[in-house]
Amino acid sequence: MARMRKQSTTVTSLASVPPDPPTEDIREPVVGNSAVWGKHRVLLLNATYEPLTAISIRRAVVLVLRERADIVHTDELGPQIHSADLAMPLPSVIRLRTYVRVPYRAKIPMTRAALMHRDRFRCGYCGAKANTIDHVVPRSRGGAHNWENCVACCAHCNHKKADRLLSELGWTLQASLTPPKGRHWRLLATVKEIDPAWSRYIDVGAA
């Protein structure tokens, strides 16, 4: 964890963080023939280093240029972002200078991305790489669509299991079907791929 600097006592709301405004004076970074402007995501940290959300490069650059945030990590192998009078490395993590109050919500929404992260992209039946989601008790047999009845699954097991129960197949689960806990899981619910630079701020293995 990066060393905590003295924090500002200013408290704002997440809604006050400026959205993506026009930035005509900033040229979009390009790698070969592929623009990364709309693909790369930047981790936004609170002033306390708590992960808040993943934002676009455009929004991250605006926050930094407006002195609302500081760059914590950059993509050293990536392109630089150029404007008329400056050049800056592509950020991977930025941190707000003032604390943002985030409403607390105990229940983490179950999304495909969050479920895959919970089960570490491994099939809950055989341990192979997962590429789909299975309802342990099939929905056709009354199974619910929730954390306690859904598991990451490989295509082979999903096809073989079909609408049968585990007891009918003699299968056992290798995964723990529990809802994850922690505010960072709201971020994981929206992001499939995690930048390695984010790992010190996001405990992906926690549940």
C-alpha atoms as a PDB file:
ATOM      1  CA  MET A   1       0.000   0.000   0.000  1.00  0.00           C
ATOM      2  CA  ALA A   2       1.386   3.356  -0.947  1.00  0.00           C
ATOM      3  CA  ARG A   3       2.249   5.616   1.982  1.00  0.00           C
ATOM      4  CA  MET A   4      -0.652   7.826   3.026  1.00  0.00           C
ATOM      5  CA  ARG A   5      -0.059  11.530   2.634  1.00  0.00           C
ATOM      6  CA  LYS A   6      -1.794  14.115   4.778  1.00  0.00           C
ATOM      7  CA  GLN A   7      -5.389  14.186   3.636  1.00  0.00           C
ATOM      8  CA  SER A   8      -7.532  17.220   2.981  1.00  0.00           C
ATOM      9  CA  THR A   9     -10.529  17.535   5.280  1.00  0.00           C
ATOM     10  CA  THR A  10     -12.709  18.542   2.360  1.00  0.00           C
ATOM     11  CA  VAL A  11     -15.551  16.112   1.785  1.00  0.00           C
ATOM     12  CA  THR A  12     -17.447  16.007  -1.481  1.00  0.00           C
ATOM     13  CA  SER A  13     -19.793  13.543  -3.119  1.00  0.00           C
ATOM     14  CA  LEU A  14     -18.914  11.171  -5.932  1.00  0.00           C
ATOM     15  CA  ALA A  15     -21.425  13.008  -8.131  1.00  0.00           C
ATOM     16  CA  SER A  16     -19.245  16.137  -7.899  1.00  0.00           C
ATOM     17  CA  VAL A  17     -16.383  14.475  -9.757  1.00  0.00           C
ATOM     18  CA  PRO A  18     -16.555  16.046 -13.229  1.00  0.00           C
ATOM     19  CA  PRO A  19     -17.755  13.823 -16.093  1.00  0.00           C
ATOM     20  CA  ASP A  20     -16.006  13.521 -19.431  1.00  0.00           C
ATOM     21  CA  PRO A  21     -16.063  17.036 -20.910  1.00  0.00           C
ATOM     22  CA  PRO A  22     -14.859  17.948 -24.413  1.00  0.00           C
ATOM     23  CA  THR A  23     -11.065  17.852 -24.591  1.00  0.00           C
ATOM     24  CA  GLU A  24     -10.341  18.908 -28.131  1.00  0.00           C
ATOM     25  CA  ASP A  25      -6.862  20.109 -27.170  1.00  0.00           C
ATOM     26  CA  ILE A  26      -5.724  16.585 -26.223  1.00  0.00           C
ATOM     27  CA  ARG A  27      -4.809  14.218 -29.024  1.00  0.00           C
ATOM     28  CA  GLU A  28      -5.892  10.606 -28.639  1.00  0.00           C
ATOM     29  CA  PRO A  29      -2.998   8.188 -27.999  1.00  0.00           C
ATOM     30  CA  VAL A  30      -2.514   5.602 -30.709  1.00  0.00           C
ATOM     31  CA  VAL A  31      -0.651   2.286 -30.639  1.00  0.00           C
ATOM     32  CA  GLY A  32       0.094   1.180 -34.182  1.00  0.00           C
ATOM     33  CA  ASN A  33      -3.225   1.430 -36.001  1.00  0.00           C
ATOM     34  CA  SER A  34      -5.317   0.902 -32.855  1.00  0.00           C
ATOM     35  CA  ALA A  35      -6.535   3.818 -30.747  1.00  0.00           C
ATOM     36  CA  VAL A  36      -6.494   3.046 -27.006  1.00  0.00           C
ATOM     37  CA  TRP A  37      -8.363   6.205 -25.986  1.00  0.00           C
ATOM     38  CA  GLY A  38     -11.705   4.461 -25.503  1.00  0.00           C
ATOM     39  CA  LYS A  39     -10.398   1.047 -24.403  1.00  0.00           C
ATOM     40  CA  HIS A  40      -7.978   1.711 -21.543  1.00  0.00           C
ATOM     41  CA  ARG A  41      -9.482   2.134 -18.074  1.00  0.00           C
ATOM     42  CA  VAL A  42      -7.933   3.976 -15.159  1.00  0.00           C
ATOM     43  CA  LEU A  43      -8.482   3.077 -11.490  1.00  0.00           C
ATOM     44  CA  LEU A  44      -9.801   6.040  -9.505  1.00  0.00           C
ATOM     45  CA  LEU A  45      -8.863   6.014  -5.814  1.00  0.00           C
ATOM     46  CA  ASN A  46     -10.374   8.066  -3.049  1.00  0.00           C
ATOM     47  CA  ALA A  47      -8.085  10.376  -1.061  1.00  0.00           C
ATOM     48  CA  THR A  48      -7.809   7.484   1.436  1.00  0.00           C
ATOM     49  CA  TYR A  49      -6.592   5.123  -1.332  1.00  0.00           C
ATOM     50  CA  GLU A  50      -9.923   3.275  -1.310  1.00  0.00           C
ATOM     51  CA  PRO A  51     -10.807   2.120  -4.854  1.00  0.00           C
ATOM     52  CA  LEU A  52     -13.850   3.950  -6.189  1.00  0.00           C
ATOM     53  CA  THR A  53     -14.370   3.036  -9.829  1.00  0.00           C
ATOM     54  CA  ALA A  54     -12.715   2.532 -13.207  1.00  0.00           C
ATOM     55  CA  ILE A  55     -12.892   5.577 -15.474  1.00  0.00           C
ATOM     56  CA  SER A  56     -11.918   6.466 -19.025  1.00  0.00           C
ATOM     57  CA  ILE A  57      -8.538   7.926 -19.968  1.00  0.00           C
ATOM     58  CA  ARG A  58     -10.280  11.140 -20.954  1.00  0.00           C
ATOM     59  CA  ARG A  59     -11.877  11.574 -17.536  1.00  0.00           C
ATOM     60  CA  ALA A  60      -8.642  10.665 -15.738  1.00  0.00           C
ATOM     61  CA  VAL A  61      -6.649  13.217 -17.739  1.00  0.00           C
ATOM     62  CA  VAL A  62      -9.227  15.937 -17.052  1.00  0.00           C
ATOM     63  CA  LEU A  63      -9.112  15.233 -13.308  1.00  0.00           C
ATOM     64  CA  VAL A  64      -5.318  15.450 -13.310  1.00  0.00           C
ATOM     65  CA  LEU A  65      -5.154  18.594 -15.453  1.00  0.00           C
ATOM     66  CA  ARG A  66      -7.769  20.291 -13.271  1.00  0.00           C
ATOM     67  CA  GLU A  67      -5.679  19.367 -10.214  1.00  0.00           C
ATOM     68  CA  ARG A  68      -8.519  17.302  -8.775  1.00  0.00           C
ATOM     69  CA  ALA A  69      -6.354  14.150  -8.769  1.00  0.00           C
ATOM     70  CA  ASP A  70      -2.721  13.003  -8.838  1.00  0.00           C
ATOM     71  CA  ILE A  71      -1.196  10.200 -10.872  1.00  0.00           C
ATOM     72  CA  VAL A  72      -0.214   7.243  -8.674  1.00  0.00           C
ATOM     73  CA  HIS A  73       0.859   4.739 -11.335  1.00  0.00           C
ATOM     74  CA  THR A  74       1.545   5.044 -15.044  1.00  0.00           C
ATOM     75  CA  ASP A  75       1.827   2.575 -17.899  1.00  0.00           C
ATOM     76  CA  GLU A  76       5.570   2.808 -18.465  1.00  0.00           C
ATOM     77  CA  LEU A  77       5.376   0.777 -21.673  1.00  0.00           C
ATOM     78  CA  GLY A  78       2.351   2.623 -22.997  1.00  0.00           C
ATOM     79  CA  PRO A  79       2.073   5.746 -25.136  1.00  0.00           C
ATOM     80  CA  GLN A  80       2.125   9.300 -23.850  1.00  0.00           C
ATOM     81  CA  ILE A  81      -0.822  11.651 -24.009  1.00  0.00           C
ATOM     82  CA  HIS A  82       0.046  14.867 -25.838  1.00  0.00           C
ATOM     83  CA  SER A  83      -1.611  18.259 -25.833  1.00  0.00           C
ATOM     84  CA  ALA A  84      -0.535  21.601 -27.279  1.00  0.00           C
ATOM     85  CA  ASP A  85       1.837  22.340 -24.403  1.00  0.00           C
ATOM     86  CA  LEU A  86       2.434  19.154 -22.416  1.00  0.00           C
ATOM     87  CA  ALA A  87       3.009  15.419 -22.568  1.00  0.00           C
ATOM     88  CA  MET A  88       2.065  12.964 -19.827  1.00  0.00           C
ATOM     89  CA  PRO A  89       2.372   9.177 -19.515  1.00  0.00           C
ATOM     90  CA  LEU A  90      -0.732   7.045 -19.773  1.00  0.00           C
ATOM     91  CA  PRO A  91      -2.073   6.748 -16.185  1.00  0.00           C
ATOM     92  CA  SER A  92      -3.216   3.422 -14.775  1.00  0.00           C
ATOM     93  CA  VAL A  93      -4.116   4.623 -11.254  1.00  0.00           C
ATOM     94  CA  ILE A  94      -5.006   8.130 -10.079  1.00  0.00           C
ATOM     95  CA  ARG A  95      -5.980   9.423  -6.621  1.00  0.00           C
ATOM     96  CA  LEU A  96      -8.392  12.209  -5.738  1.00  0.00           C
ATOM     97  CA  ARG A  97      -6.927  15.063  -3.723  1.00  0.00           C
ATOM     98  CA  THR A  98     -10.061  15.482  -1.613  1.00  0.00           C
ATOM     99  CA  TYR A  99     -12.139  12.808   0.080  1.00  0.00           C
ATOM    100  CA  VAL A 100     -15.334  11.711  -1.675  1.00  0.00           C
ATOM    101  CA  ARG A 101     -18.213  10.398   0.399  1.00  0.00           C
ATOM    102  CA  VAL A 102     -19.628   7.198  -1.095  1.00  0.00           C
ATOM    103  CA  PRO A 103     -23.093   5.952  -0.020  1.00  0.00           C
ATOM    104  CA  TYR A 104     -22.778   2.577   1.680  1.00  0.00           C
ATOM    105  CA  ARG A 105     -24.664  -0.304   0.099  1.00  0.00           C
ATOM    106  CA  ALA A 106     -24.305  -3.646   1.831  1.00  0.00           C
ATOM    107  CA  LYS A 107     -25.508  -5.832  -1.044  1.00  0.00           C
ATOM    108  CA  ILE A 108     -23.103  -6.356  -3.932  1.00  0.00           C
ATOM    109  CA  PRO A 109     -24.879  -6.713  -7.294  1.00  0.00           C
ATOM    110  CA  MET A 110     -24.210 -10.048  -8.965  1.00  0.00           C
ATOM    111  CA  THR A 111     -22.825  -9.524 -12.449  1.00  0.00           C
ATOM    112  CA  ARG A 112     -20.989 -11.893 -14.755  1.00  0.00           C
ATOM    113  CA  ALA A 113     -17.718 -10.033 -14.156  1.00  0.00           C
ATOM    114  CA  ALA A 114     -18.057 -10.105 -10.356  1.00  0.00           C
ATOM    115  CA  LEU A 115     -19.002 -13.798 -10.330  1.00  0.00           C
ATOM    116  CA  MET A 116     -15.986 -14.676 -12.468  1.00  0.00           C
ATOM    117  CA  HIS A 117     -13.717 -12.755 -10.124  1.00  0.00           C
ATOM    118  CA  ARG A 118     -15.265 -14.469  -7.080  1.00  0.00           C
ATOM    119  CA  ASP A 119     -14.609 -17.911  -8.573  1.00  0.00           C
ATOM    120  CA  ARG A 120     -11.242 -16.767  -9.997  1.00  0.00           C
ATOM    121  CA  PHE A 121     -12.279 -17.650 -13.548  1.00  0.00           C
ATOM    122  CA  ARG A 122     -12.260 -21.367 -12.701  1.00  0.00           C
ATOM    123  CA  CYS A 123     -15.046 -23.882 -13.229  1.00  0.00           C
ATOM    124  CA  GLY A 124     -16.770 -24.663  -9.955  1.00  0.00           C
ATOM    125  CA  TYR A 125     -17.117 -28.319 -10.995  1.00  0.00           C
ATOM    126  CA  CYS A 126     -13.834 -29.386 -12.633  1.00  0.00           C
ATOM    127  CA  GLY A 127     -11.467 -26.471 -12.012  1.00  0.00           C
ATOM    128  CA  ALA A 128     -10.847 -25.750 -15.713  1.00  0.00           C
ATOM    129  CA  LYS A 129     -10.919 -22.239 -17.123  1.00  0.00           C
ATOM    130  CA  ALA A 130     -14.454 -20.879 -16.885  1.00  0.00           C
ATOM    131  CA  ASN A 131     -16.136 -19.126 -19.770  1.00  0.00           C
ATOM    132  CA  THR A 132     -19.801 -19.219 -18.753  1.00  0.00           C
ATOM    133  CA  ILE A 133     -22.105 -19.217 -15.717  1.00  0.00           C
ATOM    134  CA  ASP A 134     -24.222 -22.109 -14.452  1.00  0.00           C
ATOM    135  CA  HIS A 135     -27.188 -22.259 -12.093  1.00  0.00           C
ATOM    136  CA  VAL A 136     -26.413 -25.064  -9.632  1.00  0.00           C
ATOM    137  CA  VAL A 137     -30.127 -25.733  -9.217  1.00  0.00           C
ATOM    138  CA  PRO A 138     -31.398 -25.121 -12.766  1.00  0.00           C
ATOM    139  CA  ARG A 139     -33.859 -22.275 -13.183  1.00  0.00           C
ATOM    140  CA  SER A 140     -36.196 -24.715 -14.895  1.00  0.00           C
ATOM    141  CA  ARG A 141     -36.323 -26.556 -11.567  1.00  0.00           C
ATOM    142  CA  GLY A 142     -36.844 -23.529  -9.364  1.00  0.00           C
ATOM    143  CA  GLY A 143     -33.257 -22.352  -8.932  1.00  0.00           C
ATOM    144  CA  ALA A 144     -32.689 -18.672  -8.183  1.00  0.00           C
ATOM    145  CA  HIS A 145     -30.400 -16.276 -10.016  1.00  0.00           C
ATOM    146  CA  ASN A 146     -28.259 -15.183  -7.076  1.00  0.00           C
ATOM    147  CA  TRP A 147     -24.804 -15.527  -5.511  1.00  0.00           C
ATOM    148  CA  GLU A 148     -25.803 -18.698  -3.646  1.00  0.00           C
ATOM    149  CA  ASN A 149     -26.963 -20.577  -6.752  1.00  0.00           C
ATOM    150  CA  CYS A 150     -24.633 -19.386  -9.521  1.00  0.00           C
ATOM    151  CA  VAL A 151     -21.118 -20.571 -10.254  1.00  0.00           C
ATOM    152  CA  ALA A 152     -18.464 -20.001 -12.915  1.00  0.00           C
ATOM    153  CA  CYS A 153     -18.417 -22.944 -15.289  1.00  0.00           C
ATOM    154  CA  CYS A 154     -16.583 -24.274 -18.328  1.00  0.00           C
ATOM    155  CA  ALA A 155     -18.538 -24.983 -21.498  1.00  0.00           C
ATOM    156  CA  HIS A 156     -17.983 -28.756 -21.212  1.00  0.00           C
ATOM    157  CA  CYS A 157     -19.440 -29.028 -17.688  1.00  0.00           C
ATOM    158  CA  ASN A 158     -22.252 -26.640 -18.523  1.00  0.00           C
ATOM    159  CA  HIS A 159     -23.305 -28.757 -21.501  1.00  0.00           C
ATOM    160  CA  LYS A 160     -22.931 -32.039 -19.618  1.00  0.00           C
ATOM    161  CA  LYS A 161     -24.861 -30.840 -16.565  1.00  0.00           C
ATOM    162  CA  ALA A 162     -27.713 -29.305 -18.578  1.00  0.00           C
ATOM    163  CA  ASP A 163     -30.836 -29.084 -16.363  1.00  0.00           C
ATOM    164  CA  ARG A 164     -29.876 -31.829 -13.926  1.00  0.00           C
ATOM    165  CA  LEU A 165     -29.100 -31.577 -10.202  1.00  0.00           C
ATOM    166  CA  LEU A 166     -25.652 -32.297  -8.788  1.00  0.00           C
ATOM    167  CA  SER A 167     -27.074 -35.241  -6.838  1.00  0.00           C
ATOM    168  CA  GLU A 168     -28.269 -36.786 -10.076  1.00  0.00           C
ATOM    169  CA  LEU A 169     -24.755 -36.550 -11.540  1.00  0.00           C
ATOM    170  CA  GLY A 170     -22.789 -37.395  -8.419  1.00  0.00           C
ATOM    171  CA  TRP A 171     -20.934 -34.062  -8.706  1.00  0.00           C
ATOM    172  CA  THR A 172     -19.664 -31.847  -5.903  1.00  0.00           C
ATOM    173  CA  LEU A 173     -18.881 -28.150  -5.933  1.00  0.00           C
ATOM    174  CA  GLN A 174     -15.301 -26.938  -5.647  1.00  0.00           C
ATOM    175  CA  ALA A 175     -16.372 -23.335  -5.147  1.00  0.00           C
ATOM    176  CA  SER A 176     -17.941 -21.581  -2.169  1.00  0.00           C
ATOM    177  CA  LEU A 177     -21.200 -19.971  -3.264  1.00  0.00           C
ATOM    178  CA  THR A 178     -21.209 -16.962  -0.951  1.00  0.00           C
ATOM    179  CA  PRO A 179     -21.756 -13.283  -1.730  1.00  0.00           C
ATOM    180  CA  PRO A 180     -18.451 -11.359  -1.711  1.00  0.00           C
ATOM    181  CA  LYS A 181     -17.930  -8.601   0.834  1.00  0.00           C
ATOM    182  CA  GLY A 182     -16.102  -5.317   0.526  1.00  0.00           C
ATOM    183  CA  ARG A 183     -16.728  -2.055  -1.303  1.00  0.00           C
ATOM    184  CA  HIS A 184     -14.112  -2.896  -3.938  1.00  0.00           C
ATOM    185  CA  TRP A 185     -16.452  -5.605  -5.242  1.00  0.00           C
ATOM    186  CA  ARG A 186     -18.655  -2.881  -6.727  1.00  0.00           C
ATOM    187  CA  LEU A 187     -15.715  -2.075  -8.942  1.00  0.00           C
ATOM    188  CA  LEU A 188     -15.112  -5.729  -9.792  1.00  0.00           C
ATOM    189  CA  ALA A 189     -18.767  -6.030 -10.774  1.00  0.00           C
ATOM    190  CA  THR A 190     -18.130  -3.675 -13.692  1.00  0.00           C
ATOM    191  CA  VAL A 191     -14.598  -4.589 -14.802  1.00  0.00           C
ATOM    192  CA  LYS A 192     -13.633  -7.910 -16.376  1.00  0.00           C
ATOM    193  CA  GLU A 193      -9.882  -7.418 -16.730  1.00  0.00           C
ATOM    194  CA  ILE A 194      -7.843  -6.006 -13.850  1.00  0.00           C
ATOM    195  CA  ASP A 195      -4.675  -4.025 -14.529  1.00  0.00           C
ATOM    196  CA  PRO A 196      -1.783  -5.559 -12.504  1.00  0.00           C
ATOM    197  CA  ALA A 197      -1.055  -2.088 -11.090  1.00  0.00           C
ATOM    198  CA  TRP A 198      -4.469  -2.168  -9.377  1.00  0.00           C
ATOM    199  CA  SER A 199      -3.756  -5.319  -7.344  1.00  0.00           C
ATOM    200  CA  ARG A 200      -2.334  -3.531  -4.295  1.00  0.00           C
ATOM    201  CA  TYR A 201      -5.598  -1.609  -3.924  1.00  0.00           C
ATOM    202  CA  ILE A 202      -8.062  -4.368  -4.828  1.00  0.00           C
ATOM    203  CA  ASP A 203      -8.173  -7.659  -2.936  1.00  0.00           C
ATOM    204  CA  VAL A 204      -9.558  -9.766  -5.774  1.00  0.00           C
ATOM    205  CA  GLY A 205      -9.332 -12.986  -3.772  1.00  0.00           C
ATOM    206  CA  ALA A 206     -11.428 -11.691  -0.875  1.00  0.00           C
ATOM    207  CA  ALA A 207     -15.002 -12.903  -0.588  1.00  0.00           C
END
